[in-house]
C-alpha atoms as a PDB file:
ATOM      1  CA  MET A   1       7.410  35.391 -26.689  1.00  0.00           C
ATOM      2  CA  ILE A   2       3.936  36.844 -26.112  1.00  0.00           C
ATOM      3  CA  THR A   3       3.866  39.710 -23.623  1.00  0.00           C
ATOM      4  CA  ALA A   4       0.606  41.541 -24.365  1.00  0.00           C
ATOM      5  CA  ALA A   5      -2.847  40.588 -23.043  1.00  0.00           C
ATOM      6  CA  GLY A   6      -4.303  42.081 -26.227  1.00  0.00           C
ATOM      7  CA  ASN A   7      -2.790  39.347 -28.378  1.00  0.00           C
ATOM      8  CA  PRO A   8      -5.665  37.530 -30.214  1.00  0.00           C
ATOM      9  CA  LYS A   9      -4.535  34.115 -28.953  1.00  0.00           C
ATOM     10  CA  ILE A  10      -4.460  35.344 -25.372  1.00  0.00           C
ATOM     11  CA  LYS A  11      -7.889  36.936 -25.706  1.00  0.00           C
ATOM     12  CA  ASN A  12      -9.326  33.662 -26.950  1.00  0.00           C
ATOM     13  CA  LEU A  13      -7.520  31.704 -24.247  1.00  0.00           C
ATOM     14  CA  MET A  14      -9.057  33.881 -21.539  1.00  0.00           C
ATOM     15  CA  ASN A  15     -12.488  33.513 -23.135  1.00  0.00           C
ATOM     16  CA  LEU A  16     -12.120  29.740 -23.017  1.00  0.00           C
ATOM     17  CA  MET A  17     -11.191  29.900 -19.362  1.00  0.00           C
ATOM     18  CA  LYS A  18     -13.983  32.242 -18.323  1.00  0.00           C
ATOM     19  CA  LYS A  19     -16.944  31.516 -20.601  1.00  0.00           C
ATOM     20  CA  SER A  20     -18.829  28.253 -20.944  1.00  0.00           C
ATOM     21  CA  LYS A  21     -20.394  29.548 -24.165  1.00  0.00           C
ATOM     22  CA  ALA A  22     -16.980  30.012 -25.792  1.00  0.00           C
ATOM     23  CA  ARG A  23     -15.900  26.534 -24.747  1.00  0.00           C
ATOM     24  CA  LYS A  24     -19.069  24.997 -26.145  1.00  0.00           C
ATOM     25  CA  GLU A  25     -18.901  26.906 -29.441  1.00  0.00           C
ATOM     26  CA  GLN A  26     -15.275  25.957 -30.056  1.00  0.00           C
ATOM     27  CA  GLY A  27     -15.437  22.461 -28.605  1.00  0.00           C
ATOM     28  CA  LEU A  28     -12.373  23.195 -26.468  1.00  0.00           C
ATOM     29  CA  PHE A  29     -11.390  23.513 -22.817  1.00  0.00           C
ATOM     30  CA  VAL A  30      -8.343  24.588 -20.836  1.00  0.00           C
ATOM     31  CA  ALA A  31      -6.407  22.360 -18.426  1.00  0.00           C
ATOM     32  CA  GLU A  32      -3.718  23.888 -16.237  1.00  0.00           C
ATOM     33  CA  GLY A  33      -0.747  22.248 -14.578  1.00  0.00           C
ATOM     34  CA  LEU A  34       2.050  19.839 -15.459  1.00  0.00           C
ATOM     35  CA  LYS A  35       0.107  16.698 -14.516  1.00  0.00           C
ATOM     36  CA  MET A  36      -2.813  17.710 -16.730  1.00  0.00           C
ATOM     37  CA  PHE A  37      -0.428  18.377 -19.624  1.00  0.00           C
ATOM     38  CA  LEU A  38       1.431  15.083 -19.325  1.00  0.00           C
ATOM     39  CA  GLU A  39      -1.753  13.003 -19.014  1.00  0.00           C
ATOM     40  CA  ALA A  40      -3.618  14.640 -21.901  1.00  0.00           C
ATOM     41  CA  GLU A  41      -3.956  12.591 -25.081  1.00  0.00           C
ATOM     42  CA  GLU A  42      -1.596  13.980 -27.711  1.00  0.00           C
ATOM     43  CA  ASP A  43      -4.188  13.952 -30.472  1.00  0.00           C
ATOM     44  CA  ARG A  44      -6.456  16.165 -28.348  1.00  0.00           C
ATOM     45  CA  LEU A  45      -3.847  18.806 -27.542  1.00  0.00           C
ATOM     46  CA  VAL A  46      -4.524  21.912 -29.631  1.00  0.00           C
ATOM     47  CA  GLU A  47      -2.187  24.463 -28.034  1.00  0.00           C
ATOM     48  CA  VAL A  48       0.152  24.645 -25.068  1.00  0.00           C
ATOM     49  CA  TYR A  49       1.108  27.840 -23.230  1.00  0.00           C
ATOM     50  CA  VAL A  50       4.123  28.017 -20.923  1.00  0.00           C
ATOM     51  CA  SER A  51       5.698  30.774 -18.904  1.00  0.00           C
ATOM     52  CA  ASN A  52       9.180  31.923 -19.847  1.00  0.00           C
ATOM     53  CA  THR A  53      10.567  30.654 -16.539  1.00  0.00           C
ATOM     54  CA  PHE A  54       8.988  27.216 -17.021  1.00  0.00           C
ATOM     55  CA  PHE A  55      10.364  26.906 -20.543  1.00  0.00           C
ATOM     56  CA  ALA A  56      13.846  28.022 -19.553  1.00  0.00           C
ATOM     57  CA  SER A  57      14.080  25.866 -16.429  1.00  0.00           C
ATOM     58  CA  ARG A  58      16.901  23.318 -16.473  1.00  0.00           C
ATOM     59  CA  GLU A  59      14.924  21.114 -14.099  1.00  0.00           C
ATOM     60  CA  LYS A  60      12.402  20.113 -16.743  1.00  0.00           C
ATOM     61  CA  GLY A  61      13.062  16.557 -17.868  1.00  0.00           C
ATOM     62  CA  GLY A  62      13.472  15.184 -21.356  1.00  0.00           C
ATOM     63  CA  GLU A  63       9.911  13.820 -21.459  1.00  0.00           C
ATOM     64  CA  ILE A  64       8.479  17.305 -20.982  1.00  0.00           C
ATOM     65  CA  ARG A  65      10.815  18.875 -23.536  1.00  0.00           C
ATOM     66  CA  LYS A  66      10.014  16.165 -26.068  1.00  0.00           C
ATOM     67  CA  ARG A  67       6.288  16.596 -25.608  1.00  0.00           C
ATOM     68  CA  LEU A  68       6.448  20.372 -25.829  1.00  0.00           C
ATOM     69  CA  SER A  69       8.428  20.178 -29.067  1.00  0.00           C
ATOM     70  CA  ALA A  70       5.676  18.024 -30.587  1.00  0.00           C
ATOM     71  CA  CYS A  71       2.948  20.529 -29.659  1.00  0.00           C
ATOM     72  CA  ASN A  72       1.906  23.940 -30.873  1.00  0.00           C
ATOM     73  CA  THR A  73       3.606  25.726 -27.966  1.00  0.00           C
ATOM     74  CA  GLU A  74       3.567  29.434 -27.137  1.00  0.00           C
ATOM     75  CA  ILE A  75       5.851  31.063 -24.569  1.00  0.00           C
ATOM     76  CA  LEU A  76       4.361  33.821 -22.405  1.00  0.00           C
ATOM     77  CA  SER A  77       6.128  36.318 -20.206  1.00  0.00           C
ATOM     78  CA  ASP A  78       5.857  35.371 -16.534  1.00  0.00           C
ATOM     79  CA  ALA A  79       3.664  38.400 -15.848  1.00  0.00           C
ATOM     80  CA  LEU A  80       1.250  37.526 -18.646  1.00  0.00           C
ATOM     81  CA  PHE A  81       1.078  33.873 -17.651  1.00  0.00           C
ATOM     82  CA  ALA A  82       0.220  34.891 -14.087  1.00  0.00           C
ATOM     83  CA  LYS A  83      -2.564  37.047 -15.481  1.00  0.00           C
ATOM     84  CA  VAL A  84      -4.182  34.292 -17.553  1.00  0.00           C
ATOM     85  CA  SER A  85      -3.674  31.557 -14.952  1.00  0.00           C
ATOM     86  CA  ASP A  86      -6.647  30.410 -12.874  1.00  0.00           C
ATOM     87  CA  THR A  87      -4.478  29.472  -9.882  1.00  0.00           C
ATOM     88  CA  GLN A  88      -2.787  31.509  -7.156  1.00  0.00           C
ATOM     89  CA  THR A  89       0.528  29.701  -7.605  1.00  0.00           C
ATOM     90  CA  PRO A  90       0.782  28.885 -11.344  1.00  0.00           C
ATOM     91  CA  GLN A  91       2.957  25.954 -12.374  1.00  0.00           C
ATOM     92  CA  GLY A  92       3.784  27.714 -15.618  1.00  0.00           C
ATOM     93  CA  ILE A  93       1.960  25.483 -18.100  1.00  0.00           C
ATOM     94  CA  LEU A  94      -1.583  25.149 -19.419  1.00  0.00           C
ATOM     95  CA  CYS A  95      -3.062  23.545 -22.498  1.00  0.00           C
ATOM     96  CA  VAL A  96      -6.072  23.862 -24.768  1.00  0.00           C
ATOM     97  CA  ILE A  97      -7.739  20.491 -25.383  1.00  0.00           C
ATOM     98  CA  ARG A  98     -10.528  19.183 -27.590  1.00  0.00           C
ATOM     99  CA  GLN A  99     -13.680  18.275 -25.682  1.00  0.00           C
ATOM    100  CA  TYR A 100     -14.950  14.720 -25.249  1.00  0.00           C
ATOM    101  CA  HIS A 101     -18.201  13.340 -26.639  1.00  0.00           C
ATOM    102  CA  TYR A 102     -19.841  10.131 -25.446  1.00  0.00           C
ATOM    103  CA  THR A 103     -23.215   8.484 -26.036  1.00  0.00           C
ATOM    104  CA  ARG A 104     -25.368   6.908 -23.344  1.00  0.00           C
ATOM    105  CA  GLU A 105     -24.974   3.557 -25.074  1.00  0.00           C
ATOM    106  CA  GLU A 106     -21.189   3.770 -24.615  1.00  0.00           C
ATOM    107  CA  LEU A 107     -21.684   4.151 -20.875  1.00  0.00           C
ATOM    108  CA  LEU A 108     -23.548   0.838 -20.745  1.00  0.00           C
ATOM    109  CA  LYS A 109     -21.171  -1.260 -22.824  1.00  0.00           C
ATOM    110  CA  GLY A 110     -19.543  -2.918 -19.793  1.00  0.00           C
ATOM    111  CA  ARG A 111     -20.869  -5.917 -17.868  1.00  0.00           C
ATOM    112  CA  ASN A 112     -22.979  -4.809 -14.897  1.00  0.00           C
ATOM    113  CA  PRO A 113     -22.163  -1.124 -15.398  1.00  0.00           C
ATOM    114  CA  LEU A 114     -21.849   1.244 -12.453  1.00  0.00           C
ATOM    115  CA  LEU A 115     -23.018   4.812 -13.114  1.00  0.00           C
ATOM    116  CA  LEU A 116     -23.202   8.084 -11.232  1.00  0.00           C
ATOM    117  CA  LEU A 117     -26.136  10.408 -11.997  1.00  0.00           C
ATOM    118  CA  ILE A 118     -25.700  14.026 -10.902  1.00  0.00           C
ATOM    119  CA  GLU A 119     -28.547  16.518 -10.749  1.00  0.00           C
ATOM    120  CA  ASP A 120     -27.967  20.283 -10.566  1.00  0.00           C
ATOM    121  CA  ILE A 121     -24.632  20.269  -8.698  1.00  0.00           C
ATOM    122  CA  GLN A 122     -23.389  23.868  -8.676  1.00  0.00           C
ATOM    123  CA  ASP A 123     -19.958  23.790  -7.071  1.00  0.00           C
ATOM    124  CA  PRO A 124     -17.118  23.072  -9.551  1.00  0.00           C
ATOM    125  CA  GLY A 125     -15.001  21.519  -6.815  1.00  0.00           C
ATOM    126  CA  ASN A 126     -17.804  19.140  -5.836  1.00  0.00           C
ATOM    127  CA  LEU A 127     -18.223  17.994  -9.416  1.00  0.00           C
ATOM    128  CA  GLY A 128     -14.490  17.477  -9.832  1.00  0.00           C
ATOM    129  CA  THR A 129     -14.354  15.463  -6.600  1.00  0.00           C
ATOM    130  CA  MET A 130     -17.188  13.272  -7.826  1.00  0.00           C
ATOM    131  CA  LEU A 131     -15.371  12.527 -11.057  1.00  0.00           C
ATOM    132  CA  ARG A 132     -12.207  11.571  -9.145  1.00  0.00           C
ATOM    133  CA  SER A 133     -14.193   9.295  -6.844  1.00  0.00           C
ATOM    134  CA  ALA A 134     -15.959   7.826  -9.861  1.00  0.00           C
ATOM    135  CA  GLU A 135     -12.657   6.858 -11.457  1.00  0.00           C
ATOM    136  CA  GLY A 136     -11.295   5.466  -8.212  1.00  0.00           C
ATOM    137  CA  ALA A 137     -14.370   3.294  -7.663  1.00  0.00           C
ATOM    138  CA  GLY A 138     -14.361   1.999 -11.228  1.00  0.00           C
ATOM    139  CA  VAL A 139     -17.450   3.785 -12.491  1.00  0.00           C
ATOM    140  CA  ASP A 140     -18.369   3.226 -16.145  1.00  0.00           C
ATOM    141  CA  GLY A 141     -19.799   6.698 -16.675  1.00  0.00           C
ATOM    142  CA  VAL A 142     -21.184   9.899 -15.184  1.00  0.00           C
ATOM    143  CA  ILE A 143     -24.444  11.480 -16.362  1.00  0.00           C
ATOM    144  CA  MET A 144     -25.236  15.091 -15.430  1.00  0.00           C
ATOM    145  CA  SER A 145     -28.407  17.155 -15.663  1.00  0.00           C
ATOM    146  CA  LYS A 146     -28.317  20.252 -17.858  1.00  0.00           C
ATOM    147  CA  GLY A 147     -28.498  22.329 -14.652  1.00  0.00           C
ATOM    148  CA  THR A 148     -25.159  20.979 -13.413  1.00  0.00           C
ATOM    149  CA  VAL A 149     -22.110  23.238 -13.516  1.00  0.00           C
ATOM    150  CA  ASP A 150     -19.991  23.031 -16.683  1.00  0.00           C
ATOM    151  CA  ILE A 151     -17.610  20.098 -16.346  1.00  0.00           C
ATOM    152  CA  TYR A 152     -15.105  22.091 -18.432  1.00  0.00           C
ATOM    153  CA  ASN A 153     -14.999  24.919 -15.892  1.00  0.00           C
ATOM    154  CA  PRO A 154     -11.254  25.305 -15.087  1.00  0.00           C
ATOM    155  CA  LYS A 155     -11.937  24.754 -11.367  1.00  0.00           C
ATOM    156  CA  THR A 156     -13.744  21.507 -12.130  1.00  0.00           C
ATOM    157  CA  ILE A 157     -10.991  20.368 -14.485  1.00  0.00           C
ATOM    158  CA  ARG A 158      -8.358  21.062 -11.831  1.00  0.00           C
ATOM    159  CA  SER A 159     -10.371  19.198  -9.173  1.00  0.00           C
ATOM    160  CA  THR A 160     -10.625  16.078 -11.332  1.00  0.00           C
ATOM    161  CA  MET A 161      -6.822  15.690 -11.248  1.00  0.00           C
ATOM    162  CA  GLY A 162      -6.938  14.075 -14.694  1.00  0.00           C
ATOM    163  CA  SER A 163     -10.050  11.915 -14.228  1.00  0.00           C
ATOM    164  CA  VAL A 164     -11.866  14.042 -16.813  1.00  0.00           C
ATOM    165  CA  TYR A 165      -9.592  12.411 -19.409  1.00  0.00           C
ATOM    166  CA  ARG A 166     -10.594   8.874 -18.449  1.00  0.00           C
ATOM    167  CA  VAL A 167     -14.173   8.784 -17.109  1.00  0.00           C
ATOM    168  CA  PRO A 168     -16.894   8.857 -19.797  1.00  0.00           C
ATOM    169  CA  PHE A 169     -19.558  11.495 -19.140  1.00  0.00           C
ATOM    170  CA  LEU A 170     -22.450  13.307 -20.749  1.00  0.00           C
ATOM    171  CA  TYR A 171     -25.199  15.834 -20.036  1.00  0.00           C
ATOM    172  CA  THR A 172     -28.893  15.050 -20.354  1.00  0.00           C
ATOM    173  CA  GLU A 173     -31.722  17.475 -21.018  1.00  0.00           C
ATOM    174  CA  GLU A 174     -34.138  15.525 -18.839  1.00  0.00           C
ATOM    175  CA  MET A 175     -32.845  13.443 -15.931  1.00  0.00           C
ATOM    176  CA  GLY A 176     -36.201  11.754 -15.348  1.00  0.00           C
ATOM    177  CA  GLU A 177     -36.261  10.498 -18.930  1.00  0.00           C
ATOM    178  CA  MET A 178     -32.695   9.271 -18.561  1.00  0.00           C
ATOM    179  CA  VAL A 179     -33.592   7.378 -15.387  1.00  0.00           C
ATOM    180  CA  ASP A 180     -36.522   5.714 -17.160  1.00  0.00           C
ATOM    181  CA  TRP A 181     -34.257   4.748 -20.073  1.00  0.00           C
ATOM    182  CA  LEU A 182     -31.682   3.232 -17.723  1.00  0.00           C
ATOM    183  CA  LYS A 183     -34.334   1.191 -15.941  1.00  0.00           C
ATOM    184  CA  GLU A 184     -35.554  -0.113 -19.284  1.00  0.00           C
ATOM    185  CA  LYS A 185     -31.974  -1.251 -19.918  1.00  0.00           C
ATOM    186  CA  GLY A 186     -31.955  -3.206 -16.652  1.00  0.00           C
ATOM    187  CA  VAL A 187     -30.102  -0.685 -14.510  1.00  0.00           C
ATOM    188  CA  ALA A 188     -31.304  -0.330 -10.912  1.00  0.00           C
ATOM    189  CA  VAL A 189     -31.329   3.393 -10.043  1.00  0.00           C
ATOM    190  CA  TYR A 190     -30.839   4.214  -6.358  1.00  0.00           C
ATOM    191  CA  ALA A 191     -31.488   7.710  -5.038  1.00  0.00           C
ATOM    192  CA  ALA A 192     -29.653   9.000  -1.974  1.00  0.00           C
ATOM    193  CA  HIS A 193     -32.589  10.525  -0.101  1.00  0.00           C
ATOM    194  CA  LEU A 194     -33.547  11.525   3.445  1.00  0.00           C
ATOM    195  CA  GLN A 195     -36.798   9.570   3.035  1.00  0.00           C
ATOM    196  CA  GLY A 196     -35.039   6.340   2.183  1.00  0.00           C
ATOM    197  CA  GLU A 197     -36.301   3.351   4.174  1.00  0.00           C
ATOM    198  CA  ARG A 198     -33.153   1.221   4.014  1.00  0.00           C
ATOM    199  CA  ALA A 199     -29.530   2.112   4.640  1.00  0.00           C
ATOM    200  CA  TYR A 200     -27.218   2.099   1.631  1.00  0.00           C
ATOM    201  CA  ASP A 201     -25.169  -0.828   2.973  1.00  0.00           C
ATOM    202  CA  GLU A 202     -28.279  -3.015   3.128  1.00  0.00           C
ATOM    203  CA  GLU A 203     -28.719  -2.873  -0.652  1.00  0.00           C
ATOM    204  CA  ASN A 204     -27.128  -5.083  -3.312  1.00  0.00           C
ATOM    205  CA  PHE A 205     -25.130  -3.152  -5.925  1.00  0.00           C
ATOM    206  CA  ARG A 206     -23.500  -6.099  -7.702  1.00  0.00           C
ATOM    207  CA  GLY A 207     -25.810  -5.842 -10.700  1.00  0.00           C
ATOM    208  CA  SER A 208     -26.150  -2.923 -13.122  1.00  0.00           C
ATOM    209  CA  THR A 209     -26.401   0.087 -10.810  1.00  0.00           C
ATOM    210  CA  ALA A 210     -26.747   3.861 -10.930  1.00  0.00           C
ATOM    211  CA  PHE A 211     -26.643   6.307  -8.022  1.00  0.00           C
ATOM    212  CA  LEU A 212     -28.572   9.583  -8.064  1.00  0.00           C
ATOM    213  CA  ILE A 213     -27.020  12.558  -6.235  1.00  0.00           C
ATOM    214  CA  GLY A 214     -28.858  15.874  -6.001  1.00  0.00           C
ATOM    215  CA  ASN A 215     -28.122  19.567  -5.567  1.00  0.00           C
ATOM    216  CA  GLU A 216     -25.980  20.651  -2.592  1.00  0.00           C
ATOM    217  CA  ALA A 217     -28.805  22.640  -0.961  1.00  0.00           C
ATOM    218  CA  ARG A 218     -32.073  21.190  -2.313  1.00  0.00           C
ATOM    219  CA  GLY A 219     -31.157  17.579  -2.922  1.00  0.00           C
ATOM    220  CA  LEU A 220     -32.949  15.750  -5.723  1.00  0.00           C
ATOM    221  CA  ARG A 221     -36.020  17.104  -7.447  1.00  0.00           C
ATOM    222  CA  GLU A 222     -39.152  15.275  -6.309  1.00  0.00           C
ATOM    223  CA  GLU A 223     -39.921  14.000  -9.797  1.00  0.00           C
ATOM    224  CA  THR A 224     -36.386  12.673 -10.199  1.00  0.00           C
ATOM    225  CA  ALA A 225     -36.408  10.920  -6.841  1.00  0.00           C
ATOM    226  CA  GLY A 226     -39.826   9.503  -7.698  1.00  0.00           C
ATOM    227  CA  ALA A 227     -38.456   7.935 -10.869  1.00  0.00           C
ATOM    228  CA  ALA A 228     -35.751   6.008  -8.991  1.00  0.00           C
ATOM    229  CA  THR A 229     -35.976   2.259  -8.457  1.00  0.00           C
ATOM    230  CA  ARG A 230     -35.516   2.805  -4.733  1.00  0.00           C
ATOM    231  CA  LEU A 231     -34.762   5.532  -2.199  1.00  0.00           C
ATOM    232  CA  MET A 232     -32.048   4.798   0.338  1.00  0.00           C
ATOM    233  CA  LYS A 233     -30.327   6.728   3.085  1.00  0.00           C
ATOM    234  CA  ILE A 234     -26.903   7.201   4.584  1.00  0.00           C
ATOM    235  CA  PRO A 235     -27.461   6.851   8.363  1.00  0.00           C
ATOM    236  CA  MET A 236     -26.474   9.898  10.422  1.00  0.00           C
ATOM    237  CA  LYS A 237     -25.617  10.415  14.077  1.00  0.00           C
ATOM    238  CA  GLY A 238     -25.682  13.639  16.036  1.00  0.00           C
ATOM    239  CA  LYS A 239     -27.575  16.537  14.522  1.00  0.00           C
ATOM    240  CA  VAL A 240     -26.197  16.155  10.997  1.00  0.00           C
ATOM    241  CA  GLU A 241     -29.001  15.842   8.431  1.00  0.00           C
ATOM    242  CA  SER A 242     -26.979  15.261   5.287  1.00  0.00           C
ATOM    243  CA  LEU A 243     -23.463  15.020   3.901  1.00  0.00           C
ATOM    244  CA  ASN A 244     -21.658  17.065   1.288  1.00  0.00           C
ATOM    245  CA  ALA A 245     -22.791  15.830  -2.129  1.00  0.00           C
ATOM    246  CA  GLY A 246     -19.278  14.772  -3.130  1.00  0.00           C
ATOM    247  CA  VAL A 247     -18.797  12.857   0.130  1.00  0.00           C
ATOM    248  CA  ALA A 248     -22.165  11.117  -0.240  1.00  0.00           C
ATOM    249  CA  ALA A 249     -21.338  10.082  -3.792  1.00  0.00           C
ATOM    250  CA  SER A 250     -17.967   8.694  -2.702  1.00  0.00           C
ATOM    251  CA  ILE A 251     -19.518   6.612   0.090  1.00  0.00           C
ATOM    252  CA  LEU A 252     -22.057   5.031  -2.254  1.00  0.00           C
ATOM    253  CA  LEU A 253     -19.598   4.395  -5.079  1.00  0.00           C
ATOM    254  CA  TYR A 254     -17.064   2.729  -2.811  1.00  0.00           C
ATOM    255  CA  GLU A 255     -19.722   0.570  -1.185  1.00  0.00           C
ATOM    256  CA  ALA A 256     -20.628  -0.673  -4.656  1.00  0.00           C
ATOM    257  CA  ALA A 257     -16.951  -1.247  -5.414  1.00  0.00           C
ATOM    258  CA  ARG A 258     -16.519  -3.150  -2.132  1.00  0.00           C
ATOM    259  CA  GLN A 259     -19.489  -5.379  -2.843  1.00  0.00           C
ATOM    260  CA  ARG A 260     -18.253  -6.144  -6.341  1.00  0.00           C
ATOM    261  CA  ARG A 261     -14.888  -7.278  -4.936  1.00  0.00           C
ATOM    262  CA  THR A 262     -16.401  -9.677  -2.415  1.00  0.00           C
ATOM    263  CA  LYS A 263     -18.260 -12.953  -2.794  1.00  0.00           C
ATOM    264  CA  ILE A 264     -22.044 -12.987  -2.511  1.00  0.00           C
ATOM    265  CA  LEU A 265     -22.981 -14.241   0.922  1.00  0.00           C
END
């Protein structure tokens, strides 16, 4: 059992949790919680850390025991696990996982792909919510600007509730260039924008479609919005000017999903 925070493995674990640079250099990330452990692909699991209480619990089923025995598992004292955990009420298990790598061509391999393009989102919870909504709506991939928060931030990982394992994603150095490339490939790129002339539910998203969502405070950069196929708006009542970025993304994605389930009128 590991009890000291000075243990080399624990030091590295905490670096992976706190520093994007360490995660990028090692090609690893940390996912916390039983659900995240059970849904992780076995060939991507590098290490698993459990609290002494979790490991000793008689309530843990055979599936968990079997999976733990097949992994490189370390037991931590309860006090140490609480120290390394990123949550207020730790479940007693976290795992180190190999990062994912996708190409933009892989995101377009489906028929009439549906994509979400994210520019400079800063809140980890917002990004995680977007990934969950993307999976729920059947999105083929998520593309993020280099200014977007690290998707492997533990708070983002937790917010995805496992969607990070299943939704293809990548970062792009230049969102405008990516938008131009998508349009060349026949993808219509719609920007959620206050200056949009038509409401989102007046558009047709049955073909290859991508939605652009901008920063929580500033929205989309002018040059990015200008590269879009079309600007559209989400109508507002009252004095509300805009929605939370994650909410806006969910509305657009589910409208596309609804249209794709129904017959063309």
